[in-house]
Protein backbone atom coordinates (compact mmCIF):
# COMPACT_ATOMS: atom_id res chain seq x y z
CA MET A 1 -30.01 -3.40 6.03
CA THR A 2 -30.69 -1.98 2.55
CA MET A 3 -28.31 -2.26 -0.38
CA VAL A 4 -27.87 1.52 -0.28
CA ASP A 5 -26.69 1.25 3.34
CA LYS A 6 -24.18 -1.44 2.35
CA SER A 7 -22.90 0.65 -0.56
CA GLU A 8 -22.51 3.73 1.63
CA LYS A 9 -20.62 1.78 4.30
CA PHE A 10 -18.43 0.14 1.66
CA SER A 11 -17.65 3.55 0.18
CA LEU A 12 -16.92 5.07 3.59
CA LEU A 13 -14.50 2.27 4.50
CA VAL A 14 -12.62 2.62 1.21
CA ARG A 15 -12.34 6.39 1.67
CA VAL A 16 -11.00 5.89 5.19
CA GLY A 17 -8.50 3.51 3.61
CA TYR A 18 -7.32 6.14 1.15
CA PHE A 19 -7.07 8.66 4.00
CA SER A 20 -4.96 6.19 6.00
CA ARG A 21 -2.75 5.61 2.99
CA ALA A 22 -2.36 9.37 2.63
CA ILE A 23 -1.10 9.65 6.21
CA MET A 24 1.23 6.69 5.79
CA TYR A 25 2.97 7.90 2.63
CA SER A 26 3.03 11.59 3.61
CA VAL A 27 4.74 10.82 6.92
CA LEU A 28 7.18 8.41 5.28
CA GLY A 29 8.11 11.00 2.65
CA LEU A 30 8.54 13.74 5.25
CA ILE A 31 10.71 11.55 7.48
CA ALA A 32 12.90 10.56 4.55
CA LEU A 33 13.30 14.17 3.36
CA THR A 34 13.86 15.83 6.74
CA SER A 35 15.38 13.10 8.92
CA ALA A 36 17.14 10.59 6.72
CA GLY A 37 18.58 8.90 9.80
CA LYS A 38 15.14 8.10 11.20
CA VAL A 39 14.07 6.31 8.06
CA SER A 40 16.60 3.60 8.96
CA GLU A 41 14.06 2.53 11.60
CA GLY A 42 11.89 1.31 8.77
CA THR A 43 8.11 1.20 9.14
CA ASP A 44 8.40 1.59 12.92
CA GLY A 45 9.82 5.06 12.31
CA ILE A 46 6.60 6.03 10.54
CA PHE A 47 4.42 4.81 13.39
CA LYS A 48 6.58 6.51 16.01
CA ALA A 49 6.31 9.81 14.12
CA ILE A 50 2.52 9.45 13.85
CA GLU A 51 2.24 8.59 17.54
CA ASP A 52 3.87 11.94 18.34
CA PHE A 53 1.11 13.82 16.49
CA PRO A 54 -1.75 15.38 18.47
CA LEU A 55 -4.23 12.52 18.93
CA GLY A 56 -1.53 10.30 17.46
CA GLU A 57 -2.77 7.10 19.10
CA ALA A 58 -6.29 7.68 17.77
CA ILE A 59 -4.82 8.27 14.30
CA LEU A 60 -2.94 4.97 14.55
CA TRP A 61 -6.15 3.09 15.33
CA LEU A 62 -7.89 4.85 12.44
CA MET A 63 -5.05 3.68 10.22
CA VAL A 64 -5.51 0.10 11.42
CA VAL A 65 -9.14 0.17 10.23
CA GLY A 66 -8.37 2.16 7.10
CA LEU A 67 -5.43 0.11 5.86
CA PHE A 68 -7.34 -3.11 6.52
CA ALA A 69 -10.34 -1.74 4.59
CA TYR A 70 -8.11 -0.68 1.70
CA ALA A 71 -6.52 -4.17 1.61
CA LEU A 72 -10.00 -5.75 1.43
CA PHE A 73 -10.90 -3.35 -1.39
CA ARG A 74 -7.85 -4.49 -3.37
CA PHE A 75 -8.58 -8.17 -2.67
CA ALA A 76 -12.13 -7.56 -3.93
CA SER A 77 -10.64 -6.00 -7.06
CA THR A 78 -8.53 -9.14 -7.54
CA PHE A 79 -11.12 -11.84 -6.96
CA PHE A 80 -14.41 -10.15 -7.95
CA ASP A 81 -13.10 -7.69 -10.57
CA ILE A 82 -15.13 -4.88 -9.02
CA GLU A 83 -13.42 -2.31 -11.24
CA ASN A 84 -14.00 -4.18 -14.49
CA HIS A 85 -10.40 -4.85 -15.51
CA GLY A 86 -11.50 -8.03 -17.28
CA SER A 87 -10.17 -11.59 -17.42
CA ASP A 88 -7.74 -11.33 -20.29
CA THR A 89 -3.97 -11.37 -19.76
CA VAL A 90 -3.72 -7.63 -19.12
CA GLY A 91 -6.76 -7.67 -16.85
CA TRP A 92 -5.45 -10.52 -14.72
CA GLY A 93 -2.03 -8.91 -14.60
CA THR A 94 -3.62 -5.77 -13.14
CA ARG A 95 -5.75 -7.77 -10.72
CA ILE A 96 -2.80 -9.85 -9.48
CA GLY A 97 -0.91 -6.59 -9.04
CA HIS A 98 -3.78 -5.44 -6.84
CA ALA A 99 -3.33 -8.62 -4.82
CA GLY A 100 0.28 -7.65 -4.17
CA SER A 101 -0.88 -4.20 -3.05
CA ALA A 102 -3.53 -5.80 -0.83
CA ILE A 103 -0.98 -8.06 0.84
CA GLY A 104 1.36 -5.14 1.42
CA HIS A 105 -1.35 -2.96 2.97
CA LEU A 106 -2.68 -5.85 5.04
CA ALA A 107 0.82 -6.27 6.47
CA LEU A 108 0.91 -2.53 7.21
CA ALA A 109 -2.49 -2.75 8.93
CA TRP A 110 -1.22 -5.61 11.09
CA SER A 111 1.95 -3.71 11.91
CA ALA A 112 -0.06 -0.62 12.87
CA TYR A 113 -2.29 -2.82 15.05
CA GLN A 114 0.72 -4.29 16.83
CA PHE A 115 2.27 -0.89 17.32
CA ALA A 116 -0.94 0.76 18.57
CA GLY A 117 -1.93 -2.23 20.72
CA GLN A 118 1.44 -2.52 22.43
CA ASN A 119 1.93 1.26 22.58
CA SER A 120 5.19 0.93 20.61
CA GLU A 121 6.79 -1.41 23.17
CA GLY A 122 8.28 -4.34 21.31
CA ALA A 123 5.99 -3.86 18.32
CA GLY A 124 8.79 -4.13 15.78
CA SER A 125 6.87 -3.98 12.54
CA GLY A 126 9.87 -4.78 10.43
CA GLY A 127 10.74 -7.68 12.70
CA GLY A 128 7.15 -8.85 12.49
CA ALA A 129 7.34 -9.08 8.73
CA GLN A 130 10.60 -11.00 8.95
CA GLU A 131 9.15 -13.35 11.57
CA ALA A 132 6.18 -14.01 9.29
CA ALA A 133 8.56 -14.70 6.41
CA ALA A 134 10.53 -17.08 8.63
CA GLY A 135 7.29 -18.91 9.40
CA VAL A 136 6.52 -19.26 5.69
CA LEU A 137 10.04 -20.53 4.98
CA SER A 138 9.62 -23.20 7.66
CA ILE A 139 6.87 -24.94 5.69
CA GLN A 140 7.31 -27.07 2.59
CA PHE A 141 7.63 -24.93 -0.54
CA GLY A 142 7.65 -21.83 1.69
CA GLY A 143 10.41 -20.30 -0.39
CA VAL A 144 8.27 -20.66 -3.49
CA VAL A 145 5.39 -18.93 -1.71
CA LEU A 146 7.61 -15.94 -0.88
CA ALA A 147 8.88 -15.86 -4.45
CA ILE A 148 5.30 -15.83 -5.78
CA LEU A 149 4.52 -12.92 -3.44
CA GLY A 150 7.60 -11.21 -4.81
CA LEU A 151 6.33 -11.68 -8.36
CA ALA A 152 2.98 -10.21 -7.27
CA PHE A 153 4.84 -7.11 -6.12
CA PHE A 154 6.69 -7.00 -9.44
CA LEU A 155 3.35 -7.07 -11.24
CA ALA A 156 2.09 -4.36 -8.90
CA ALA A 157 5.22 -2.32 -9.71
CA PHE A 158 4.53 -2.73 -13.44
CA ASN A 159 0.97 -1.56 -12.86
CA GLN A 160 2.23 1.48 -10.93
CA ALA A 161 4.62 2.36 -13.76
CA LYS A 162 1.84 1.98 -16.32
CA LYS A 163 -0.43 4.27 -14.32
CA SER A 164 2.35 6.82 -14.01
CA TYR A 165 2.90 6.83 -17.78
CA THR A 166 -0.70 6.69 -19.01
CA ALA A 167 -2.42 8.53 -16.12
CA SER A 168 -5.24 5.99 -16.51
CA PHE A 169 -6.13 6.53 -12.84
CA MET A 170 -7.86 9.77 -13.88
CA ASN A 171 -10.70 7.66 -15.33
CA ARG A 172 -11.70 6.76 -11.78
CA ILE A 173 -11.51 10.24 -10.27
CA ALA A 174 -14.66 12.33 -10.09
CA ALA A 175 -15.05 15.70 -11.74
CA GLY A 176 -14.13 18.60 -9.49
CA ALA A 177 -10.79 17.17 -8.37
CA PRO A 178 -7.94 19.74 -8.17
CA SER A 179 -6.26 20.54 -11.49
CA HIS A 180 -2.89 19.21 -10.29
CA THR A 181 -4.29 15.76 -9.45
CA LYS A 182 -2.92 14.14 -12.61
CA LEU A 183 0.64 15.38 -12.05
CA LEU A 184 0.62 14.38 -8.37
CA GLY A 185 -0.58 10.91 -9.31
CA GLN A 186 2.05 10.41 -12.01
CA ILE A 187 4.88 11.44 -9.69
CA GLY A 188 3.53 9.34 -6.83
CA PHE A 189 3.02 6.19 -8.90
CA ALA A 190 6.54 6.49 -10.29
CA ALA A 191 7.93 6.55 -6.73
CA ARG A 192 5.78 3.58 -5.72
CA THR A 193 7.13 1.66 -8.71
CA VAL A 194 10.63 1.84 -7.24
CA VAL A 195 9.49 0.88 -3.73
CA PHE A 196 7.42 -2.07 -4.95
CA LEU A 197 10.36 -3.35 -6.98
CA VAL A 198 12.56 -3.25 -3.87
CA ILE A 199 9.95 -5.12 -1.80
CA GLY A 200 9.38 -7.68 -4.57
CA TRP A 201 13.09 -8.33 -4.97
CA SER A 202 13.49 -8.75 -1.20
CA LEU A 203 10.80 -11.45 -1.17
CA ILE A 204 12.32 -13.31 -4.12
CA ASN A 205 15.77 -12.99 -2.58
CA ALA A 206 14.52 -14.39 0.72
CA GLY A 207 12.47 -17.13 -0.89
CA ILE A 208 14.69 -18.74 -3.53
CA LEU A 209 18.10 -17.04 -3.55
CA SER A 210 19.61 -16.45 -0.12
CA GLY A 211 16.88 -18.22 1.83
CA GLY A 212 17.07 -15.66 4.63
CA SER A 213 13.91 -14.11 6.09
CA ASP A 214 15.92 -11.09 7.24
CA GLN A 215 16.05 -10.03 3.57
CA VAL A 216 12.31 -9.24 3.55
CA LYS A 217 11.57 -5.52 3.46
CA THR A 218 8.46 -3.63 4.53
CA LEU A 219 7.47 -0.27 3.08
CA GLY A 220 9.72 1.72 5.42
CA ASP A 221 12.57 -0.77 5.09
CA ALA A 222 12.43 -0.52 1.30
CA VAL A 223 12.83 3.27 1.46
CA ALA A 224 15.59 2.94 4.06
CA SER A 225 17.50 0.61 1.74
CA LEU A 226 17.70 3.46 -0.79
CA ALA A 227 19.20 5.91 1.72
CA GLY A 228 22.70 5.56 0.28
CA GLU A 229 21.58 6.18 -3.29
CA GLY A 230 21.80 9.98 -3.15
CA VAL A 231 19.52 11.72 -5.61
CA VAL A 232 17.49 8.53 -6.21
CA PHE A 233 16.63 8.42 -2.51
CA GLN A 234 15.61 12.10 -2.50
CA LEU A 235 13.45 11.68 -5.59
CA VAL A 236 11.71 8.61 -4.21
CA ALA A 237 11.14 10.32 -0.85
CA ALA A 238 9.64 13.38 -2.56
CA GLY A 239 7.57 11.10 -4.76
CA LEU A 240 6.14 9.23 -1.78
CA LEU A 241 5.21 12.51 -0.10
CA THR A 242 3.51 13.49 -3.34
CA PHE A 243 1.70 10.15 -3.41
CA GLY A 244 0.43 10.88 0.10
CA LEU A 245 -1.05 14.17 -1.09
CA PHE A 246 -2.53 12.38 -4.11
CA SER A 247 -4.11 9.77 -1.81
CA LEU A 248 -5.68 12.57 0.21
CA ILE A 249 -7.38 13.79 -2.97
CA LEU A 250 -8.53 10.22 -3.70
CA ALA A 251 -10.13 10.00 -0.26
CA ARG A 252 -12.52 12.70 -1.45
CA TYR A 253 -12.75 12.29 -5.23
CA ARG A 254 -12.12 8.58 -5.98
CA ILE A 255 -15.13 6.98 -7.71
CA ILE A 256 -16.08 3.99 -5.55
CA PRO A 257 -18.06 1.12 -7.15
CA ASP A 258 -21.59 0.60 -5.80
CA MET A 259 -22.45 -2.71 -4.18
CA GLY A 260 -24.18 -4.98 -6.69
CA ALA A 261 -27.57 -6.63 -6.45
CA GLU A 262 -26.17 -9.59 -4.52
CA GLY A 263 -24.27 -7.36 -2.11
CA LYS A 264 -21.03 -8.97 -3.19
CA ILE A 265 -19.90 -7.72 -6.59
CA PRO A 266 -20.10 -3.93 -6.90
CA ALA A 267 -21.21 -2.31 -10.13
CA PHE A 268 -18.82 0.36 -11.40
CA ARG A 269 -20.30 3.84 -11.36
CA ALA A 270 -19.30 5.91 -14.40
């Protein structure tokens, strides 16, 4: 297999990941805006809505692959610095934030797999996350592990807020993207900042404060927890829908690093 083949497959997988993310956030935003009651079902509510689409089960399996690929992309960004963030304090802060994003999307991929594989019977994505947290808490220093994951989400939230303010994400979007891409991204990243803060706090709360795994929130659960916050909930819901549309643009226009000479560390393409 040539290096070009590897680069093309790497790029395709990442683009499928962005497409999967687009579906995930668009559906979540729509559910929250149009059926606030359904959002109380947490992440399961998203999967149930997707399953009702034409070819919904096939879309779920595509999301399993896509979300897993996106998580691997973010892990590669953390450990191999494939997007050249550097190894200074700011660079590592960004890369650790990517690790938090990777963990979150890996959990979503696993939840989608459970839901698709069991055809929604007993899948319980939210419960799955809480069961996993309970397993972590059962080991020595498990609470500390959850707290560290929570801090990773806090760093990811900081990174989202920074992107929203500076629009630095535009440096990695190819020419020809729609003119409204920047605005969509800024709104979407602002909404994700709020959601990541909620998830991070839930992990810290579960790990070192209350010690209860039932405090852990998935993506859908985090949005559901804001349902009683009135205008904040509506703004976050609209922002997540916007982020879904932004992710759809990224699936087409995001600049993906090429695989490097060793087939391991990609070289960023300007």
